[in-house]
Amino acid sequence: MKKLELEVVDEDGVTVVEGLPGQRLMSSVLDITGVIEAYLSARAAGVLLYASNLTPGFFDLSSTEAGAILQKLRNYRIRLAVVCPPGSVTFSSRFDEMVAEERRGRLFGLFDTRDAARDWVRRS
């Protein structure tokens, strides 16, 4: 497994494992294991990733990548905030429905800005 480029960020007493904006972090769903390891090591409140950090098929539900990644995080009760500004990626036709369903569980959120994502993790 490759070494993932993640930062441990502590702001206002809330520790988050964060990807670097604009960089591919995960090339396959198996890379989520490195994110989980970083989260557990940091004893973080959540994970904050950018759309560019996710697997190439994450936003296409037919790829099953989003489901596999979110299930693995759900198994560990890890909150994932994804920063995805409007128009930055193309969602598959049913992706919005999946986001709405996941938000009810409070372990996944999709946000326009980093600040909104941080606020959501902070409220955990």
PDB file of N, CA and C in Angstrom:
ATOM      1  N   MET A   1       0.847  -1.186   0.000  1.00  0.00           N
ATOM      2  CA  MET A   1       0.000   0.000   0.000  1.00  0.00           C
ATOM      3  C   MET A   1       0.888   1.244   0.000  1.00  0.00           C
ATOM      4  N   LYS A   2       0.517   2.224  -0.822  1.00  0.00           N
ATOM      5  CA  LYS A   2       1.304   3.440  -0.903  1.00  0.00           C
ATOM      6  C   LYS A   2       1.060   4.340   0.309  1.00  0.00           C
ATOM      7  N   LYS A   3       2.018   5.199   0.600  1.00  0.00           N
ATOM      8  CA  LYS A   3       1.902   6.174   1.674  1.00  0.00           C
ATOM      9  C   LYS A   3       0.991   7.301   1.195  1.00  0.00           C
ATOM     10  N   LEU A   4      -0.058   7.579   1.942  1.00  0.00           N
ATOM     11  CA  LEU A   4      -1.015   8.606   1.553  1.00  0.00           C
ATOM     12  C   LEU A   4      -0.582   9.967   2.080  1.00  0.00           C
ATOM     13  N   GLU A   5      -0.826  10.996   1.278  1.00  0.00           N
ATOM     14  CA  GLU A   5      -0.509  12.374   1.657  1.00  0.00           C
ATOM     15  C   GLU A   5      -1.679  12.954   2.446  1.00  0.00           C
ATOM     16  N   LEU A   6      -1.623  12.809   3.757  1.00  0.00           N
ATOM     17  CA  LEU A   6      -2.659  13.313   4.651  1.00  0.00           C
ATOM     18  C   LEU A   6      -2.021  14.192   5.706  1.00  0.00           C
ATOM     19  N   GLU A   7      -2.755  15.189   6.143  1.00  0.00           N
ATOM     20  CA  GLU A   7      -2.306  16.051   7.230  1.00  0.00           C
ATOM     21  C   GLU A   7      -3.215  15.842   8.430  1.00  0.00           C
ATOM     22  N   VAL A   8      -2.644  15.954   9.618  1.00  0.00           N
ATOM     23  CA  VAL A   8      -3.439  15.979  10.835  1.00  0.00           C
ATOM     24  C   VAL A   8      -3.537  17.446  11.225  1.00  0.00           C
ATOM     25  N   VAL A   9      -4.756  17.963  11.198  1.00  0.00           N
ATOM     26  CA  VAL A   9      -4.988  19.386  11.434  1.00  0.00           C
ATOM     27  C   VAL A   9      -5.800  19.548  12.703  1.00  0.00           C
ATOM     28  N   ASP A  10      -5.292  20.372  13.615  1.00  0.00           N
ATOM     29  CA  ASP A  10      -6.015  20.667  14.850  1.00  0.00           C
ATOM     30  C   ASP A  10      -6.375  22.143  14.845  1.00  0.00           C
ATOM     31  N   GLU A  11      -7.664  22.414  14.763  1.00  0.00           N
ATOM     32  CA  GLU A  11      -8.162  23.789  14.799  1.00  0.00           C
ATOM     33  C   GLU A  11      -9.208  23.880  15.888  1.00  0.00           C
ATOM     34  N   ASP A  12      -9.012  24.793  16.804  1.00  0.00           N
ATOM     35  CA  ASP A  12      -9.962  25.015  17.887  1.00  0.00           C
ATOM     36  C   ASP A  12     -10.214  23.749  18.698  1.00  0.00           C
ATOM     37  N   GLY A  13      -9.166  22.923  18.866  1.00  0.00           N
ATOM     38  CA  GLY A  13      -9.286  21.715  19.664  1.00  0.00           C
ATOM     39  C   GLY A  13      -9.960  20.546  18.976  1.00  0.00           C
ATOM     40  N   VAL A  14     -10.237  20.675  17.674  1.00  0.00           N
ATOM     41  CA  VAL A  14     -10.854  19.600  16.911  1.00  0.00           C
ATOM     42  C   VAL A  14      -9.829  19.080  15.908  1.00  0.00           C
ATOM     43  N   THR A  15      -9.461  17.815  16.046  1.00  0.00           N
ATOM     44  CA  THR A  15      -8.467  17.205  15.169  1.00  0.00           C
ATOM     45  C   THR A  15      -9.153  16.500  14.010  1.00  0.00           C
ATOM     46  N   VAL A  16      -8.658  16.784  12.814  1.00  0.00           N
ATOM     47  CA  VAL A  16      -9.204  16.205  11.594  1.00  0.00           C
ATOM     48  C   VAL A  16      -8.041  15.695  10.743  1.00  0.00           C
ATOM     49  N   VAL A  17      -8.224  14.549  10.122  1.00  0.00           N
ATOM     50  CA  VAL A  17      -7.285  14.060   9.121  1.00  0.00           C
ATOM     51  C   VAL A  17      -7.758  14.637   7.797  1.00  0.00           C
ATOM     52  N   GLU A  18      -6.862  15.346   7.097  1.00  0.00           N
ATOM     53  CA  GLU A  18      -7.267  16.092   5.913  1.00  0.00           C
ATOM     54  C   GLU A  18      -6.367  15.769   4.726  1.00  0.00           C
ATOM     55  N   GLY A  19      -7.004  15.597   3.566  1.00  0.00           N
ATOM     56  CA  GLY A  19      -6.274  15.442   2.318  1.00  0.00           C
ATOM     57  C   GLY A  19      -5.775  16.797   1.840  1.00  0.00           C
ATOM     58  N   LEU A  20      -4.908  16.782   0.861  1.00  0.00           N
ATOM     59  CA  LEU A  20      -4.395  18.020   0.286  1.00  0.00           C
ATOM     60  C   LEU A  20      -5.251  18.399  -0.921  1.00  0.00           C
ATOM     61  N   PRO A  21      -5.728  19.642  -0.986  1.00  0.00           N
ATOM     62  CA  PRO A  21      -6.588  20.053  -2.100  1.00  0.00           C
ATOM     63  C   PRO A  21      -5.877  19.870  -3.443  1.00  0.00           C
ATOM     64  N   GLY A  22      -6.632  19.419  -4.436  1.00  0.00           N
ATOM     65  CA  GLY A  22      -6.099  19.316  -5.787  1.00  0.00           C
ATOM     66  C   GLY A  22      -5.244  18.091  -6.062  1.00  0.00           C
ATOM     67  N   GLN A  23      -5.086  17.199  -5.103  1.00  0.00           N
ATOM     68  CA  GLN A  23      -4.234  16.027  -5.302  1.00  0.00           C
ATOM     69  C   GLN A  23      -5.042  14.736  -5.230  1.00  0.00           C
ATOM     70  N   ARG A  24      -4.677  13.791  -6.082  1.00  0.00           N
ATOM     71  CA  ARG A  24      -5.293  12.459  -6.033  1.00  0.00           C
ATOM     72  C   ARG A  24      -4.701  11.741  -4.830  1.00  0.00           C
ATOM     73  N   LEU A  25      -5.532  11.278  -3.950  1.00  0.00           N
ATOM     74  CA  LEU A  25      -5.108  10.582  -2.744  1.00  0.00           C
ATOM     75  C   LEU A  25      -5.356   9.084  -2.879  1.00  0.00           C
ATOM     76  N   MET A  26      -6.506   8.733  -3.389  1.00  0.00           N
ATOM     77  CA  MET A  26      -6.892   7.330  -3.501  1.00  0.00           C
ATOM     78  C   MET A  26      -7.039   6.944  -4.972  1.00  0.00           C
ATOM     79  N   SER A  27      -6.282   5.948  -5.382  1.00  0.00           N
ATOM     80  CA  SER A  27      -6.421   5.455  -6.754  1.00  0.00           C
ATOM     81  C   SER A  27      -7.366   4.258  -6.810  1.00  0.00           C
ATOM     82  N   SER A  28      -7.604   3.622  -5.659  1.00  0.00           N
ATOM     83  CA  SER A  28      -8.567   2.516  -5.589  1.00  0.00           C
ATOM     84  C   SER A  28      -9.249   2.545  -4.225  1.00  0.00           C
ATOM     85  N   VAL A  29     -10.332   1.790  -4.097  1.00  0.00           N
ATOM     86  CA  VAL A  29     -11.054   1.752  -2.828  1.00  0.00           C
ATOM     87  C   VAL A  29     -10.196   1.166  -1.710  1.00  0.00           C
ATOM     88  N   LEU A  30      -9.193   0.386  -2.052  1.00  0.00           N
ATOM     89  CA  LEU A  30      -8.316  -0.194  -1.030  1.00  0.00           C
ATOM     90  C   LEU A  30      -7.524   0.871  -0.275  1.00  0.00           C
ATOM     91  N   ASP A  31      -7.321   2.028  -0.897  1.00  0.00           N
ATOM     92  CA  ASP A  31      -6.561   3.101  -0.253  1.00  0.00           C
ATOM     93  C   ASP A  31      -7.283   3.705   0.946  1.00  0.00           C
ATOM     94  N   ILE A  32      -8.571   3.413   1.110  1.00  0.00           N
ATOM     95  CA  ILE A  32      -9.293   3.934   2.274  1.00  0.00           C
ATOM     96  C   ILE A  32      -8.694   3.391   3.563  1.00  0.00           C
ATOM     97  N   THR A  33      -8.031   2.250   3.492  1.00  0.00           N
ATOM     98  CA  THR A  33      -7.390   1.674   4.675  1.00  0.00           C
ATOM     99  C   THR A  33      -6.350   2.633   5.249  1.00  0.00           C
ATOM    100  N   GLY A  34      -5.584   3.292   4.393  1.00  0.00           N
ATOM    101  CA  GLY A  34      -4.600   4.265   4.860  1.00  0.00           C
ATOM    102  C   GLY A  34      -5.246   5.463   5.531  1.00  0.00           C
ATOM    103  N   VAL A  35      -6.392   5.879   5.025  1.00  0.00           N
ATOM    104  CA  VAL A  35      -7.134   6.987   5.631  1.00  0.00           C
ATOM    105  C   VAL A  35      -7.621   6.571   7.019  1.00  0.00           C
ATOM    106  N   ILE A  36      -8.128   5.366   7.142  1.00  0.00           N
ATOM    107  CA  ILE A  36      -8.609   4.864   8.430  1.00  0.00           C
ATOM    108  C   ILE A  36      -7.456   4.773   9.422  1.00  0.00           C
ATOM    109  N   GLU A  37      -6.312   4.289   8.979  1.00  0.00           N
ATOM    110  CA  GLU A  37      -5.151   4.195   9.860  1.00  0.00           C
ATOM    111  C   GLU A  37      -4.726   5.570  10.364  1.00  0.00           C
ATOM    112  N   ALA A  38      -4.700   6.548   9.470  1.00  0.00           N
ATOM    113  CA  ALA A  38      -4.332   7.911   9.873  1.00  0.00           C
ATOM    114  C   ALA A  38      -5.343   8.475  10.868  1.00  0.00           C
ATOM    115  N   TYR A  39      -6.618   8.238  10.622  1.00  0.00           N
ATOM    116  CA  TYR A  39      -7.685   8.698  11.514  1.00  0.00           C
ATOM    117  C   TYR A  39      -7.517   8.094  12.913  1.00  0.00           C
ATOM    118  N   LEU A  40      -7.317   6.788  12.971  1.00  0.00           N
ATOM    119  CA  LEU A  40      -7.176   6.118  14.264  1.00  0.00           C
ATOM    120  C   LEU A  40      -5.902   6.558  14.992  1.00  0.00           C
ATOM    121  N   SER A  41      -4.819   6.720  14.253  1.00  0.00           N
ATOM    122  CA  SER A  41      -3.554   7.162  14.867  1.00  0.00           C
ATOM    123  C   SER A  41      -3.672   8.560  15.454  1.00  0.00           C
ATOM    124  N   ALA A  42      -4.391   9.422  14.754  1.00  0.00           N
ATOM    125  CA  ALA A  42      -4.530  10.813  15.192  1.00  0.00           C
ATOM    126  C   ALA A  42      -5.621  10.995  16.236  1.00  0.00           C
ATOM    127  N   ARG A  43      -6.433   9.943  16.448  1.00  0.00           N
ATOM    128  CA  ARG A  43      -7.602  10.066  17.320  1.00  0.00           C
ATOM    129  C   ARG A  43      -8.444  11.273  16.913  1.00  0.00           C
ATOM    130  N   ALA A  44      -8.690  11.333  15.631  1.00  0.00           N
ATOM    131  CA  ALA A  44      -9.359  12.480  15.026  1.00  0.00           C
ATOM    132  C   ALA A  44     -10.869  12.432  15.219  1.00  0.00           C
ATOM    133  N   ALA A  45     -11.485  13.589  15.033  1.00  0.00           N
ATOM    134  CA  ALA A  45     -12.944  13.695  15.102  1.00  0.00           C
ATOM    135  C   ALA A  45     -13.579  13.327  13.772  1.00  0.00           C
ATOM    136  N   GLY A  46     -12.796  13.368  12.704  1.00  0.00           N
ATOM    137  CA  GLY A  46     -13.329  13.051  11.392  1.00  0.00           C
ATOM    138  C   GLY A  46     -12.258  13.148  10.331  1.00  0.00           C
ATOM    139  N   VAL A  47     -12.688  12.914   9.100  1.00  0.00           N
ATOM    140  CA  VAL A  47     -11.821  12.981   7.934  1.00  0.00           C
ATOM    141  C   VAL A  47     -12.395  14.029   7.003  1.00  0.00           C
ATOM    142  N   LEU A  48     -11.533  14.896   6.480  1.00  0.00           N
ATOM    143  CA  LEU A  48     -11.931  15.917   5.528  1.00  0.00           C
ATOM    144  C   LEU A  48     -11.133  15.682   4.250  1.00  0.00           C
ATOM    145  N   LEU A  49     -11.842  15.352   3.187  1.00  0.00           N
ATOM    146  CA  LEU A  49     -11.202  15.131   1.900  1.00  0.00           C
ATOM    147  C   LEU A  49     -11.802  16.063   0.864  1.00  0.00           C
ATOM    148  N   TYR A  50     -11.057  16.259  -0.198  1.00  0.00           N
ATOM    149  CA  TYR A  50     -11.500  17.064  -1.326  1.00  0.00           C
ATOM    150  C   TYR A  50     -11.905  16.115  -2.452  1.00  0.00           C
ATOM    151  N   ALA A  51     -12.770  16.569  -3.331  1.00  0.00           N
ATOM    152  CA  ALA A  51     -13.230  15.722  -4.435  1.00  0.00           C
ATOM    153  C   ALA A  51     -12.051  15.113  -5.184  1.00  0.00           C
ATOM    154  N   SER A  52     -11.006  15.877  -5.367  1.00  0.00           N
ATOM    155  CA  SER A  52      -9.828  15.394  -6.091  1.00  0.00           C
ATOM    156  C   SER A  52      -9.083  14.293  -5.346  1.00  0.00           C
ATOM    157  N   ASN A  53      -9.298  14.176  -4.033  1.00  0.00           N
ATOM    158  CA  ASN A  53      -8.624  13.140  -3.235  1.00  0.00           C
ATOM    159  C   ASN A  53      -9.241  11.763  -3.430  1.00  0.00           C
ATOM    160  N   LEU A  54     -10.463  11.714  -3.906  1.00  0.00           N
ATOM    161  CA  LEU A  54     -11.216  10.464  -3.967  1.00  0.00           C
ATOM    162  C   LEU A  54     -10.901   9.660  -5.224  1.00  0.00           C
ATOM    163  N   THR A  55     -11.332   8.418  -5.224  1.00  0.00           N
ATOM    164  CA  THR A  55     -11.105   7.543  -6.370  1.00  0.00           C
ATOM    165  C   THR A  55     -11.766   8.118  -7.622  1.00  0.00           C
ATOM    166  N   PRO A  56     -11.258   7.766  -8.796  1.00  0.00           N
ATOM    167  CA  PRO A  56     -11.807   8.326 -10.036  1.00  0.00           C
ATOM    168  C   PRO A  56     -13.306   8.074 -10.214  1.00  0.00           C
ATOM    169  N   GLY A  57     -13.818   6.968  -9.704  1.00  0.00           N
ATOM    170  CA  GLY A  57     -15.231   6.652  -9.894  1.00  0.00           C
ATOM    171  C   GLY A  57     -16.126   6.970  -8.712  1.00  0.00           C
ATOM    172  N   PHE A  58     -15.626   7.679  -7.725  1.00  0.00           N
ATOM    173  CA  PHE A  58     -16.402   7.914  -6.506  1.00  0.00           C
ATOM    174  C   PHE A  58     -17.766   8.543  -6.787  1.00  0.00           C
ATOM    175  N   PHE A  59     -17.825   9.507  -7.686  1.00  0.00           N
ATOM    176  CA  PHE A  59     -19.070  10.231  -7.941  1.00  0.00           C
ATOM    177  C   PHE A  59     -19.968   9.554  -8.967  1.00  0.00           C
ATOM    178  N   ASP A  60     -19.560   8.378  -9.445  1.00  0.00           N
ATOM    179  CA  ASP A  60     -20.350   7.574 -10.376  1.00  0.00           C
ATOM    180  C   ASP A  60     -20.809   6.330  -9.617  1.00  0.00           C
ATOM    181  N   LEU A  61     -22.055   6.311  -9.203  1.00  0.00           N
ATOM    182  CA  LEU A  61     -22.536   5.206  -8.370  1.00  0.00           C
ATOM    183  C   LEU A  61     -22.411   3.845  -9.043  1.00  0.00           C
ATOM    184  N   SER A  62     -22.429   3.799 -10.360  1.00  0.00           N
ATOM    185  CA  SER A  62     -22.311   2.508 -11.039  1.00  0.00           C
ATOM    186  C   SER A  62     -20.941   1.866 -10.825  1.00  0.00           C
ATOM    187  N   SER A  63     -19.952   2.655 -10.421  1.00  0.00           N
ATOM    188  CA  SER A  63     -18.614   2.106 -10.167  1.00  0.00           C
ATOM    189  C   SER A  63     -18.558   1.347  -8.842  1.00  0.00           C
ATOM    190  N   THR A  64     -19.481   1.596  -7.956  1.00  0.00           N
ATOM    191  CA  THR A  64     -19.575   1.048  -6.586  1.00  0.00           C
ATOM    192  C   THR A  64     -18.470   1.545  -5.654  1.00  0.00           C
ATOM    193  N   GLU A  65     -17.620   2.452  -6.123  1.00  0.00           N
ATOM    194  CA  GLU A  65     -16.515   2.943  -5.293  1.00  0.00           C
ATOM    195  C   GLU A  65     -17.013   3.725  -4.085  1.00  0.00           C
ATOM    196  N   ALA A  66     -17.975   4.609  -4.278  1.00  0.00           N
ATOM    197  CA  ALA A  66     -18.502   5.392  -3.152  1.00  0.00           C
ATOM    198  C   ALA A  66     -19.090   4.461  -2.096  1.00  0.00           C
ATOM    199  N   GLY A  67     -19.872   3.499  -2.520  1.00  0.00           N
ATOM    200  CA  GLY A  67     -20.493   2.576  -1.574  1.00  0.00           C
ATOM    201  C   GLY A  67     -19.467   1.793  -0.776  1.00  0.00           C
ATOM    202  N   ALA A  68     -18.420   1.311  -1.434  1.00  0.00           N
ATOM    203  CA  ALA A  68     -17.386   0.533  -0.743  1.00  0.00           C
ATOM    204  C   ALA A  68     -16.622   1.395   0.253  1.00  0.00           C
ATOM    205  N   ILE A  69     -16.280   2.615  -0.144  1.00  0.00           N
ATOM    206  CA  ILE A  69     -15.541   3.516   0.742  1.00  0.00           C
ATOM    207  C   ILE A  69     -16.395   3.922   1.934  1.00  0.00           C
ATOM    208  N   LEU A  70     -17.630   4.320   1.678  1.00  0.00           N
ATOM    209  CA  LEU A  70     -18.496   4.763   2.772  1.00  0.00           C
ATOM    210  C   LEU A  70     -18.834   3.620   3.725  1.00  0.00           C
ATOM    211  N   GLN A  71     -18.997   2.419   3.206  1.00  0.00           N
ATOM    212  CA  GLN A  71     -19.272   1.281   4.085  1.00  0.00           C
ATOM    213  C   GLN A  71     -18.093   1.000   5.008  1.00  0.00           C
ATOM    214  N   LYS A  72     -16.896   1.061   4.475  1.00  0.00           N
ATOM    215  CA  LYS A  72     -15.704   0.824   5.287  1.00  0.00           C
ATOM    216  C   LYS A  72     -15.606   1.883   6.402  1.00  0.00           C
ATOM    217  N   LEU A  73     -15.858   3.135   6.069  1.00  0.00           N
ATOM    218  CA  LEU A  73     -15.830   4.196   7.078  1.00  0.00           C
ATOM    219  C   LEU A  73     -16.957   4.017   8.095  1.00  0.00           C
ATOM    220  N   ARG A  74     -18.116   3.608   7.622  1.00  0.00           N
ATOM    221  CA  ARG A  74     -19.257   3.379   8.508  1.00  0.00           C
ATOM    222  C   ARG A  74     -18.941   2.268   9.516  1.00  0.00           C
ATOM    223  N   ASN A  75     -18.225   1.242   9.084  1.00  0.00           N
ATOM    224  CA  ASN A  75     -17.844   0.148   9.983  1.00  0.00           C
ATOM    225  C   ASN A  75     -17.046   0.653  11.184  1.00  0.00           C
ATOM    226  N   TYR A  76     -16.280   1.722  10.984  1.00  0.00           N
ATOM    227  CA  TYR A  76     -15.469   2.301  12.052  1.00  0.00           C
ATOM    228  C   TYR A  76     -16.113   3.543  12.665  1.00  0.00           C
ATOM    229  N   ARG A  77     -17.321   3.881  12.211  1.00  0.00           N
ATOM    230  CA  ARG A  77     -18.041   5.089  12.680  1.00  0.00           C
ATOM    231  C   ARG A  77     -17.215   6.358  12.450  1.00  0.00           C
ATOM    232  N   ILE A  78     -16.586   6.435  11.297  1.00  0.00           N
ATOM    233  CA  ILE A  78     -15.749   7.585  10.932  1.00  0.00           C
ATOM    234  C   ILE A  78     -16.573   8.548  10.084  1.00  0.00           C
ATOM    235  N   ARG A  79     -16.589   9.805  10.519  1.00  0.00           N
ATOM    236  CA  ARG A  79     -17.297  10.854   9.791  1.00  0.00           C
ATOM    237  C   ARG A  79     -16.415  11.353   8.654  1.00  0.00           C
ATOM    238  N   LEU A  80     -16.983  11.427   7.449  1.00  0.00           N
ATOM    239  CA  LEU A  80     -16.268  11.913   6.271  1.00  0.00           C
ATOM    240  C   LEU A  80     -16.953  13.149   5.724  1.00  0.00           C
ATOM    241  N   ALA A  81     -16.212  14.244   5.664  1.00  0.00           N
ATOM    242  CA  ALA A  81     -16.678  15.473   5.031  1.00  0.00           C
ATOM    243  C   ALA A  81     -15.901  15.622   3.718  1.00  0.00           C
ATOM    244  N   VAL A  82     -16.622  15.801   2.628  1.00  0.00           N
ATOM    245  CA  VAL A  82     -15.992  15.968   1.321  1.00  0.00           C
ATOM    246  C   VAL A  82     -16.270  17.381   0.822  1.00  0.00           C
ATOM    247  N   VAL A  83     -15.203  18.096   0.479  1.00  0.00           N
ATOM    248  CA  VAL A  83     -15.326  19.434  -0.090  1.00  0.00           C
ATOM    249  C   VAL A  83     -15.424  19.278  -1.601  1.00  0.00           C
ATOM    250  N   CYS A  84     -16.555  19.722  -2.131  1.00  0.00           N
ATOM    251  CA  CYS A  84     -16.837  19.561  -3.556  1.00  0.00           C
ATOM    252  C   CYS A  84     -17.590  20.799  -4.040  1.00  0.00           C
ATOM    253  N   PRO A  85     -16.856  21.846  -4.446  1.00  0.00           N
ATOM    254  CA  PRO A  85     -17.526  23.059  -4.906  1.00  0.00           C
ATOM    255  C   PRO A  85     -18.443  22.778  -6.091  1.00  0.00           C
ATOM    256  N   PRO A  86     -19.546  23.515  -6.194  1.00  0.00           N
ATOM    257  CA  PRO A  86     -20.489  23.305  -7.300  1.00  0.00           C
ATOM    258  C   PRO A  86     -19.770  23.353  -8.655  1.00  0.00           C
ATOM    259  N   GLY A  87     -20.090  22.366  -9.498  1.00  0.00           N
ATOM    260  CA  GLY A  87     -19.527  22.330 -10.833  1.00  0.00           C
ATOM    261  C   GLY A  87     -18.131  21.738 -10.934  1.00  0.00           C
ATOM    262  N   SER A  88     -17.548  21.335  -9.807  1.00  0.00           N
ATOM    263  CA  SER A  88     -16.176  20.826  -9.842  1.00  0.00           C
ATOM    264  C   SER A  88     -16.087  19.376 -10.313  1.00  0.00           C
ATOM    265  N   VAL A  89     -17.159  18.610 -10.149  1.00  0.00           N
ATOM    266  CA  VAL A  89     -17.218  17.226 -10.642  1.00  0.00           C
ATOM    267  C   VAL A  89     -18.614  16.955 -11.187  1.00  0.00           C
ATOM    268  N   THR A  90     -18.701  15.914 -11.974  1.00  0.00           N
ATOM    269  CA  THR A  90     -19.992  15.495 -12.511  1.00  0.00           C
ATOM    270  C   THR A  90     -20.477  14.299 -11.707  1.00  0.00           C
ATOM    271  N   PHE A  91     -21.668  14.419 -11.152  1.00  0.00           N
ATOM    272  CA  PHE A  91     -22.273  13.327 -10.392  1.00  0.00           C
ATOM    273  C   PHE A  91     -23.049  12.418 -11.340  1.00  0.00           C
ATOM    274  N   SER A  92     -23.086  11.129 -11.029  1.00  0.00           N
ATOM    275  CA  SER A  92     -23.983  10.238 -11.765  1.00  0.00           C
ATOM    276  C   SER A  92     -25.422  10.631 -11.420  1.00  0.00           C
ATOM    277  N   SER A  93     -26.364  10.132 -12.193  1.00  0.00           N
ATOM    278  CA  SER A  93     -27.754  10.572 -12.062  1.00  0.00           C
ATOM    279  C   SER A  93     -28.351  10.338 -10.681  1.00  0.00           C
ATOM    280  N   ARG A  94     -27.888   9.358  -9.942  1.00  0.00           N
ATOM    281  CA  ARG A  94     -28.488   9.049  -8.641  1.00  0.00           C
ATOM    282  C   ARG A  94     -27.594   9.427  -7.461  1.00  0.00           C
ATOM    283  N   PHE A  95     -26.494  10.090  -7.727  1.00  0.00           N
ATOM    284  CA  PHE A  95     -25.556  10.413  -6.657  1.00  0.00           C
ATOM    285  C   PHE A  95     -26.199  11.313  -5.591  1.00  0.00           C
ATOM    286  N   ASP A  96     -26.971  12.305  -6.011  1.00  0.00           N
ATOM    287  CA  ASP A  96     -27.630  13.201  -5.049  1.00  0.00           C
ATOM    288  C   ASP A  96     -28.546  12.438  -4.093  1.00  0.00           C
ATOM    289  N   GLU A  97     -29.220  11.415  -4.604  1.00  0.00           N
ATOM    290  CA  GLU A  97     -30.087  10.602  -3.743  1.00  0.00           C
ATOM    291  C   GLU A  97     -29.263   9.866  -2.686  1.00  0.00           C
ATOM    292  N   MET A  98     -28.105   9.351  -3.088  1.00  0.00           N
ATOM    293  CA  MET A  98     -27.233   8.660  -2.145  1.00  0.00           C
ATOM    294  C   MET A  98     -26.736   9.628  -1.068  1.00  0.00           C
ATOM    295  N   VAL A  99     -26.385  10.840  -1.470  1.00  0.00           N
ATOM    296  CA  VAL A  99     -25.922  11.849  -0.514  1.00  0.00           C
ATOM    297  C   VAL A  99     -27.029  12.160   0.490  1.00  0.00           C
ATOM    298  N   ALA A 100     -28.243  12.341   0.015  1.00  0.00           N
ATOM    299  CA  ALA A 100     -29.369  12.630   0.916  1.00  0.00           C
ATOM    300  C   ALA A 100     -29.570  11.493   1.908  1.00  0.00           C
ATOM    301  N   GLU A 101     -29.480  10.258   1.447  1.00  0.00           N
ATOM    302  CA  GLU A 101     -29.628   9.092   2.320  1.00  0.00           C
ATOM    303  C   GLU A 101     -28.504   9.016   3.348  1.00  0.00           C
ATOM    304  N   GLU A 102     -27.280   9.250   2.918  1.00  0.00           N
ATOM    305  CA  GLU A 102     -26.120   9.187   3.817  1.00  0.00           C
ATOM    306  C   GLU A 102     -26.170  10.285   4.881  1.00  0.00           C
ATOM    307  N   ARG A 103     -26.659  11.445   4.535  1.00  0.00           N
ATOM    308  CA  ARG A 103     -26.721  12.552   5.497  1.00  0.00           C
ATOM    309  C   ARG A 103     -27.622  12.233   6.676  1.00  0.00           C
ATOM    310  N   ARG A 104     -28.605  11.402   6.481  1.00  0.00           N
ATOM    311  CA  ARG A 104     -29.480  11.026   7.596  1.00  0.00           C
ATOM    312  C   ARG A 104     -28.705  10.237   8.648  1.00  0.00           C
ATOM    313  N   GLY A 105     -27.670   9.541   8.230  1.00  0.00           N
ATOM    314  CA  GLY A 105     -26.848   8.774   9.154  1.00  0.00           C
ATOM    315  C   GLY A 105     -25.773   9.598   9.834  1.00  0.00           C
ATOM    316  N   ARG A 106     -25.551  10.817   9.404  1.00  0.00           N
ATOM    317  CA  ARG A 106     -24.613  11.765  10.017  1.00  0.00           C
ATOM    318  C   ARG A 106     -23.147  11.326   9.973  1.00  0.00           C
ATOM    319  N   LEU A 107     -22.806  10.422   9.046  1.00  0.00           N
ATOM    320  CA  LEU A 107     -21.404  10.016   8.917  1.00  0.00           C
ATOM    321  C   LEU A 107     -20.784  10.513   7.616  1.00  0.00           C
ATOM    322  N   PHE A 108     -21.584  11.105   6.735  1.00  0.00           N
ATOM    323  CA  PHE A 108     -21.073  11.600   5.459  1.00  0.00           C
ATOM    324  C   PHE A 108     -21.733  12.911   5.119  1.00  0.00           C
ATOM    325  N   GLY A 109     -20.921  13.860   4.680  1.00  0.00           N
ATOM    326  CA  GLY A 109     -21.449  15.141   4.240  1.00  0.00           C
ATOM    327  C   GLY A 109     -20.669  15.659   3.049  1.00  0.00           C
ATOM    328  N   LEU A 110     -21.346  16.344   2.166  1.00  0.00           N
ATOM    329  CA  LEU A 110     -20.763  16.941   0.967  1.00  0.00           C
ATOM    330  C   LEU A 110     -20.937  18.446   1.100  1.00  0.00           C
ATOM    331  N   PHE A 111     -19.845  19.206   0.950  1.00  0.00           N
ATOM    332  CA  PHE A 111     -19.870  20.632   1.253  1.00  0.00           C
ATOM    333  C   PHE A 111     -19.213  21.442   0.145  1.00  0.00           C
ATOM    334  N   ASP A 112     -19.672  22.684  -0.013  1.00  0.00           N
ATOM    335  CA  ASP A 112     -19.122  23.581  -1.026  1.00  0.00           C
ATOM    336  C   ASP A 112     -17.749  24.120  -0.629  1.00  0.00           C
ATOM    337  N   THR A 113     -17.513  24.282   0.678  1.00  0.00           N
ATOM    338  CA  THR A 113     -16.264  24.903   1.140  1.00  0.00           C
ATOM    339  C   THR A 113     -15.622  24.102   2.274  1.00  0.00           C
ATOM    340  N   ARG A 114     -14.343  24.337   2.479  1.00  0.00           N
ATOM    341  CA  ARG A 114     -13.626  23.703   3.582  1.00  0.00           C
ATOM    342  C   ARG A 114     -14.209  24.159   4.917  1.00  0.00           C
ATOM    343  N   ASP A 115     -14.524  25.443   5.041  1.00  0.00           N
ATOM    344  CA  ASP A 115     -15.073  25.956   6.302  1.00  0.00           C
ATOM    345  C   ASP A 115     -16.375  25.252   6.672  1.00  0.00           C
ATOM    346  N   ALA A 116     -17.248  25.049   5.708  1.00  0.00           N
ATOM    347  CA  ALA A 116     -18.514  24.352   5.977  1.00  0.00           C
ATOM    348  C   ALA A 116     -18.247  22.907   6.393  1.00  0.00           C
ATOM    349  N   ALA A 117     -17.294  22.270   5.749  1.00  0.00           N
ATOM    350  CA  ALA A 117     -16.948  20.885   6.102  1.00  0.00           C
ATOM    351  C   ALA A 117     -16.376  20.822   7.514  1.00  0.00           C
ATOM    352  N   ARG A 118     -15.489  21.744   7.859  1.00  0.00           N
ATOM    353  CA  ARG A 118     -14.897  21.782   9.210  1.00  0.00           C
ATOM    354  C   ARG A 118     -15.979  22.016  10.259  1.00  0.00           C
ATOM    355  N   ASP A 119     -16.897  22.918   9.990  1.00  0.00           N
ATOM    356  CA  ASP A 119     -17.976  23.189  10.950  1.00  0.00           C
ATOM    357  C   ASP A 119     -18.798  21.946  11.202  1.00  0.00           C
ATOM    358  N   TRP A 120     -19.082  21.186  10.148  1.00  0.00           N
ATOM    359  CA  TRP A 120     -19.867  19.950  10.284  1.00  0.00           C
ATOM    360  C   TRP A 120     -19.120  18.934  11.144  1.00  0.00           C
ATOM    361  N   VAL A 121     -17.842  18.764  10.912  1.00  0.00           N
ATOM    362  CA  VAL A 121     -17.044  17.824  11.723  1.00  0.00           C
ATOM    363  C   VAL A 121     -16.970  18.314  13.163  1.00  0.00           C
ATOM    364  N   ARG A 122     -16.820  19.590  13.358  1.00  0.00           N
ATOM    365  CA  ARG A 122     -16.720  20.182  14.703  1.00  0.00           C
ATOM    366  C   ARG A 122     -17.987  19.919  15.518  1.00  0.00           C
ATOM    367  N   ARG A 123     -19.141  19.876  14.855  1.00  0.00           N
ATOM    368  CA  ARG A 123     -20.411  19.665  15.550  1.00  0.00           C
ATOM    369  C   ARG A 123     -20.623  18.211  15.976  1.00  0.00           C
ATOM    370  N   SER A 124     -19.684  17.354  15.647  1.00  0.00           N
ATOM    371  CA  SER A 124     -19.859  15.919  15.981  1.00  0.00           C
ATOM    372  C   SER A 124     -19.761  15.677  17.473  1.00  0.00           C
TER     373      SER A 124
END
